[in-house]
Amino acid sequence: MAAKLVNENHFGYKLGEMVKREFHFEYEKIGKAGPEKFPYSEAYMYSYYDAKYEWLLWEKYGPLLEKENVAHIFDIEMDVLEVILDMERAGITLDEERLAELG
């Protein structure tokens, strides 16, 4: 989110795309199968690289939020994210009859 607020002209804000663009580095993604489907050494390295590059990206873009005068927007986005994550954890009720009508 910080990267997008600082420079909305980049294309691709997925972690792998940003790591390649910013650090000229690529690493093997585990994918949607989940880390339990891979040998420990592969899952470990994947997690290590994700954490390392998330931190390095924050180190790069975090200070730019104030410089570009968008820190207040970042704060709003983080508040909204917290609500969305709570909604995701709690789930929603679903009117199956209405859904079938729409289907």
Protein backbone atom coordinates (compact mmCIF):
# COMPACT_ATOMS: atom_id res chain seq x y z
CA MET A 1 0.00 0.00 0.00
CA ALA A 2 2.83 2.40 0.80
CA ALA A 3 4.38 1.81 -2.61
CA LYS A 4 1.10 2.46 -4.37
CA LEU A 5 0.49 5.68 -2.45
CA VAL A 6 4.00 6.92 -3.15
CA ASN A 7 3.95 6.08 -6.85
CA GLU A 8 0.66 5.05 -8.41
CA ASN A 9 2.28 4.80 -11.84
CA HIS A 10 3.99 1.47 -11.20
CA PHE A 11 2.33 -1.55 -12.65
CA GLY A 12 2.20 -4.50 -10.34
CA TYR A 13 2.14 -4.29 -6.59
CA LYS A 14 2.37 -7.99 -5.81
CA LEU A 15 5.35 -8.80 -3.63
CA GLY A 16 7.19 -10.81 -6.28
CA GLU A 17 6.74 -8.10 -8.90
CA MET A 18 7.97 -5.42 -6.53
CA VAL A 19 10.99 -7.43 -5.40
CA LYS A 20 11.96 -8.00 -9.01
CA ARG A 21 11.48 -4.32 -9.91
CA GLU A 22 13.11 -2.80 -6.83
CA PHE A 23 15.85 -5.31 -6.00
CA HIS A 24 16.35 -7.18 -9.28
CA PHE A 25 15.84 -10.46 -7.44
CA GLU A 26 13.44 -13.34 -8.02
CA TYR A 27 12.67 -16.30 -5.83
CA GLU A 28 10.53 -19.37 -6.28
CA LYS A 29 6.98 -18.89 -5.08
CA ILE A 30 5.27 -21.72 -3.28
CA GLY A 31 1.88 -20.83 -4.67
CA LYS A 32 -1.58 -21.50 -3.35
CA ALA A 33 -0.87 -25.10 -2.33
CA GLY A 34 0.42 -23.91 1.04
CA PRO A 35 3.73 -24.39 2.79
CA GLU A 36 2.75 -27.75 4.28
CA LYS A 37 2.89 -29.28 0.78
CA PHE A 38 6.60 -28.50 0.39
CA PRO A 39 9.79 -29.64 2.06
CA TYR A 40 10.66 -27.59 5.12
CA SER A 41 13.75 -26.10 3.45
CA GLU A 42 11.66 -24.70 0.57
CA ALA A 43 8.89 -23.37 2.83
CA TYR A 44 11.51 -21.83 5.12
CA MET A 45 13.29 -19.99 2.32
CA TYR A 46 10.01 -18.78 0.85
CA SER A 47 8.95 -17.38 4.23
CA TYR A 48 12.39 -15.90 4.80
CA TYR A 49 12.40 -14.09 1.45
CA ASP A 50 8.84 -12.84 1.91
CA ALA A 51 9.65 -11.39 5.33
CA LYS A 52 13.01 -9.97 4.24
CA TYR A 53 11.67 -8.21 1.18
CA GLU A 54 8.51 -6.96 2.89
CA TRP A 55 10.81 -5.31 5.43
CA LEU A 56 13.15 -3.89 2.79
CA LEU A 57 10.20 -2.49 0.84
CA TRP A 58 8.84 -0.90 4.01
CA GLU A 59 12.28 0.59 4.71
CA LYS A 60 12.19 2.12 1.23
CA TYR A 61 8.59 3.30 1.00
CA GLY A 62 7.68 3.97 4.63
CA PRO A 63 9.74 7.18 4.92
CA LEU A 64 8.40 8.41 1.58
CA LEU A 65 4.84 8.50 2.94
CA GLU A 66 5.62 11.63 4.96
CA LYS A 67 7.75 13.15 2.22
CA GLU A 68 4.96 12.74 -0.34
CA ASN A 69 2.35 13.90 2.19
CA VAL A 70 0.29 10.69 1.99
CA ALA A 71 0.91 9.23 5.47
CA HIS A 72 -2.62 10.16 6.54
CA ILE A 73 -4.06 8.17 3.63
CA PHE A 74 -1.88 5.19 4.58
CA ASP A 75 -3.26 5.38 8.14
CA ILE A 76 -6.83 5.32 6.81
CA GLU A 77 -6.02 2.34 4.59
CA MET A 78 -4.59 0.44 7.56
CA ASP A 79 -7.73 1.16 9.62
CA VAL A 80 -9.90 -0.13 6.78
CA LEU A 81 -7.69 -3.20 6.42
CA GLU A 82 -8.22 -4.05 10.09
CA VAL A 83 -11.99 -3.96 9.60
CA ILE A 84 -11.80 -6.09 6.45
CA LEU A 85 -9.64 -8.68 8.22
CA ASP A 86 -12.11 -8.81 11.12
CA MET A 87 -14.94 -9.34 8.62
CA GLU A 88 -12.97 -12.10 6.91
CA ARG A 89 -12.35 -13.88 10.22
CA ALA A 90 -15.95 -13.56 11.39
CA GLY A 91 -17.50 -14.52 8.07
CA ILE A 92 -20.82 -13.37 6.70
CA THR A 93 -24.36 -14.66 6.58
CA LEU A 94 -25.56 -15.74 3.19
CA ASP A 95 -29.12 -15.79 1.89
CA GLU A 96 -28.87 -18.92 -0.24
CA GLU A 97 -32.33 -18.48 -1.75
CA ARG A 98 -31.54 -14.95 -2.90
CA LEU A 99 -28.15 -16.08 -4.20
CA ALA A 100 -29.86 -18.80 -6.24
CA GLU A 101 -32.23 -16.19 -7.70
CA LEU A 102 -29.27 -14.03 -8.71
CA GLY A 103 -27.36 -17.02 -10.11
